[in-house]
C-alpha cells in the first residue's frame, strides 16, 4: 500500500537533518534594519536572534522617542527575518519529504 516503508523513513530522516542544517545556517544569515533616519540600526539572524543594536547619540536625549524607534525598528527586522526563516524552513522540509500518494502538502 505505501511501497518502500523503510525508504520513506530514510527520506523523513533526511528531511529532519536538512531542517536542522537549515536552522544552523539561518543563524549565520544576518538581517539589518535601519530606522530613525539612519540613527538606529538593528542586526539579527534569520532565526530572530538579536546580534547588534547601534544607536546614534542624538537619540539618547529622549528615552520615549528612543523606545518608540526601537519598537518600530525591531518589529520590522523581526518581520524580515521571519519571512526569510519561513521560506527557507519550508524549502528544507519540502526537499526531504518522501513522495506519498495523496499527501500533496507542499503544493
C-alpha atoms as a PDB file:
ATOM      1  CA  UNK A   1       0.000   0.000   0.000  1.00  0.00           C
ATOM      2  CA  UNK A   2       2.746   2.500   0.920  1.00  0.00           C
ATOM      3  CA  UNK A   3       5.538   0.922  -1.112  1.00  0.00           C
ATOM      4  CA  UNK A   4       9.001   1.013   0.394  1.00  0.00           C
ATOM      5  CA  UNK A   5       8.311   1.960   4.032  1.00  0.00           C
ATOM      6  CA  UNK A   6      11.985   1.851   5.029  1.00  0.00           C
ATOM      7  CA  UNK A   7      12.821   4.110   2.089  1.00  0.00           C
ATOM      8  CA  UNK A   8      10.207   6.610   3.237  1.00  0.00           C
ATOM      9  CA  UNK A   9      11.568   6.520   6.782  1.00  0.00           C
ATOM     10  CA  UNK A  10      15.034   7.206   5.416  1.00  0.00           C
ATOM     11  CA  UNK A  11      13.674  10.194   3.456  1.00  0.00           C
ATOM     12  CA  UNK A  12      11.970  11.521   6.594  1.00  0.00           C
ATOM     13  CA  UNK A  13      15.253  11.252   8.483  1.00  0.00           C
ATOM     14  CA  UNK A  14      16.995  13.114   5.656  1.00  0.00           C
ATOM     15  CA  UNK A  15      14.303  15.803   5.817  1.00  0.00           C
ATOM     16  CA  UNK A  16      14.829  16.185   9.554  1.00  0.00           C
ATOM     17  CA  UNK A  17      18.585  16.511   9.035  1.00  0.00           C
ATOM     18  CA  UNK A  18      18.033  19.069   6.257  1.00  0.00           C
ATOM     19  CA  UNK A  19      15.788  21.133   8.569  1.00  0.00           C
ATOM     20  CA  UNK A  20      18.442  21.087  11.313  1.00  0.00           C
ATOM     21  CA  UNK A  21      21.147  22.119   8.828  1.00  0.00           C
ATOM     22  CA  UNK A  22      18.925  24.956   7.628  1.00  0.00           C
ATOM     23  CA  UNK A  23      18.318  26.129  11.210  1.00  0.00           C
ATOM     24  CA  UNK A  24      22.067  26.230  11.799  1.00  0.00           C
ATOM     25  CA  UNK A  25      22.681  28.085   8.530  1.00  0.00           C
ATOM     26  CA  UNK A  26      19.994  30.657   9.363  1.00  0.00           C
ATOM     27  CA  UNK A  27      21.997  31.556  12.469  1.00  0.00           C
ATOM     28  CA  UNK A  28      24.601  32.951  10.056  1.00  0.00           C
ATOM     29  CA  UNK A  29      22.165  34.875   7.838  1.00  0.00           C
ATOM     30  CA  UNK A  30      22.096  38.471   9.084  1.00  0.00           C
ATOM     31  CA  UNK A  31      19.187  40.849   8.624  1.00  0.00           C
ATOM     32  CA  UNK A  32      19.697  44.604   9.018  1.00  0.00           C
ATOM     33  CA  UNK A  33      17.007  47.183   9.612  1.00  0.00           C
ATOM     34  CA  UNK A  34      17.696  50.891   9.851  1.00  0.00           C
ATOM     35  CA  UNK A  35      15.316  53.326  11.497  1.00  0.00           C
ATOM     36  CA  UNK A  36      15.088  56.871  12.792  1.00  0.00           C
ATOM     37  CA  UNK A  37      16.580  58.379   9.642  1.00  0.00           C
ATOM     38  CA  UNK A  38      19.649  56.177   9.917  1.00  0.00           C
ATOM     39  CA  UNK A  39      20.235  56.878  13.605  1.00  0.00           C
ATOM     40  CA  UNK A  40      19.265  53.374  14.726  1.00  0.00           C
ATOM     41  CA  UNK A  41      20.439  50.057  13.279  1.00  0.00           C
ATOM     42  CA  UNK A  42      19.295  46.597  14.328  1.00  0.00           C
ATOM     43  CA  UNK A  43      21.032  43.409  13.191  1.00  0.00           C
ATOM     44  CA  UNK A  44      19.578  39.993  13.870  1.00  0.00           C
ATOM     45  CA  UNK A  45      19.830  36.497  12.448  1.00  0.00           C
ATOM     46  CA  UNK A  46      17.182  34.884  10.267  1.00  0.00           C
ATOM     47  CA  UNK A  47      16.404  32.819  13.381  1.00  0.00           C
ATOM     48  CA  UNK A  48      15.392  36.118  15.017  1.00  0.00           C
ATOM     49  CA  UNK A  49      18.276  36.408  17.478  1.00  0.00           C
ATOM     50  CA  UNK A  50      19.440  39.986  18.027  1.00  0.00           C
ATOM     51  CA  UNK A  51      23.126  40.395  17.202  1.00  0.00           C
ATOM     52  CA  UNK A  52      23.638  44.161  17.415  1.00  0.00           C
ATOM     53  CA  UNK A  53      21.899  47.433  18.125  1.00  0.00           C
ATOM     54  CA  UNK A  54      23.606  50.677  17.123  1.00  0.00           C
ATOM     55  CA  UNK A  55      22.134  53.927  18.463  1.00  0.00           C
ATOM     56  CA  UNK A  56      23.204  57.404  17.429  1.00  0.00           C
ATOM     57  CA  UNK A  57      23.981  59.632  20.422  1.00  0.00           C
ATOM     58  CA  UNK A  58      21.304  62.119  19.354  1.00  0.00           C
ATOM     59  CA  UNK A  59      18.607  59.569  20.248  1.00  0.00           C
ATOM     60  CA  UNK A  60      19.871  59.197  23.810  1.00  0.00           C
ATOM     61  CA  UNK A  61      18.377  62.524  24.922  1.00  0.00           C
ATOM     62  CA  UNK A  62      14.752  61.359  24.721  1.00  0.00           C
ATOM     63  CA  UNK A  63      14.050  57.936  26.215  1.00  0.00           C
ATOM     64  CA  UNK A  64      10.461  57.819  24.971  1.00  0.00           C
ATOM     65  CA  UNK A  65      11.478  58.616  21.391  1.00  0.00           C
ATOM     66  CA  UNK A  66      14.251  56.007  21.547  1.00  0.00           C
ATOM     67  CA  UNK A  67      11.838  53.383  22.861  1.00  0.00           C
ATOM     68  CA  UNK A  68       9.393  54.135  20.032  1.00  0.00           C
ATOM     69  CA  UNK A  69      12.126  53.860  17.400  1.00  0.00           C
ATOM     70  CA  UNK A  70      13.428  50.630  18.945  1.00  0.00           C
ATOM     71  CA  UNK A  71       9.985  49.037  18.895  1.00  0.00           C
ATOM     72  CA  UNK A  72       9.305  50.049  15.284  1.00  0.00           C
ATOM     73  CA  UNK A  73      12.725  49.035  14.010  1.00  0.00           C
ATOM     74  CA  UNK A  74      12.834  45.753  15.931  1.00  0.00           C
ATOM     75  CA  UNK A  75       9.394  44.780  14.653  1.00  0.00           C
ATOM     76  CA  UNK A  76      10.423  45.490  11.049  1.00  0.00           C
ATOM     77  CA  UNK A  77      13.639  43.495  11.465  1.00  0.00           C
ATOM     78  CA  UNK A  78      11.798  40.567  13.055  1.00  0.00           C
ATOM     79  CA  UNK A  79       9.257  40.595  10.236  1.00  0.00           C
ATOM     80  CA  UNK A  80      12.032  40.459   7.601  1.00  0.00           C
ATOM     81  CA  UNK A  81      13.842  37.661   9.454  1.00  0.00           C
ATOM     82  CA  UNK A  82      10.614  35.698   9.912  1.00  0.00           C
ATOM     83  CA  UNK A  83       9.866  35.804   6.182  1.00  0.00           C
ATOM     84  CA  UNK A  84      13.347  34.524   5.348  1.00  0.00           C
ATOM     85  CA  UNK A  85      13.047  31.842   8.027  1.00  0.00           C
ATOM     86  CA  UNK A  86       9.643  30.634   6.837  1.00  0.00           C
ATOM     87  CA  UNK A  87      10.715  30.355   3.197  1.00  0.00           C
ATOM     88  CA  UNK A  88      13.980  28.572   3.999  1.00  0.00           C
ATOM     89  CA  UNK A  89      12.432  26.148   6.504  1.00  0.00           C
ATOM     90  CA  UNK A  90       9.539  25.285   4.163  1.00  0.00           C
ATOM     91  CA  UNK A  91      12.001  24.604   1.362  1.00  0.00           C
ATOM     92  CA  UNK A  92      14.148  22.411   3.632  1.00  0.00           C
ATOM     93  CA  UNK A  93      11.140  20.407   4.785  1.00  0.00           C
ATOM     94  CA  UNK A  94       9.739  20.072   1.280  1.00  0.00           C
ATOM     95  CA  UNK A  95      13.006  18.921  -0.279  1.00  0.00           C
ATOM     96  CA  UNK A  96      13.363  15.971   2.063  1.00  0.00           C
ATOM     97  CA  UNK A  97       9.781  14.741   2.193  1.00  0.00           C
ATOM     98  CA  UNK A  98       9.059  11.373   0.595  1.00  0.00           C
ATOM     99  CA  UNK A  99       6.505  11.249  -2.212  1.00  0.00           C
ATOM    100  CA  UNK A 100       3.455   9.715  -0.541  1.00  0.00           C
ATOM    101  CA  UNK A 101       0.481   9.405  -2.886  1.00  0.00           C
ATOM    102  CA  UNK A 102      -2.415  11.581  -1.761  1.00  0.00           C
ATOM    103  CA  UNK A 103      -0.210  13.680   0.546  1.00  0.00           C
ATOM    104  CA  UNK A 104       0.361  16.791  -1.560  1.00  0.00           C
ATOM    105  CA  UNK A 105       1.137  19.008   1.430  1.00  0.00           C
ATOM    106  CA  UNK A 106       3.613  21.332  -0.240  1.00  0.00           C
ATOM    107  CA  UNK A 107       1.954  22.357  -3.495  1.00  0.00           C
END
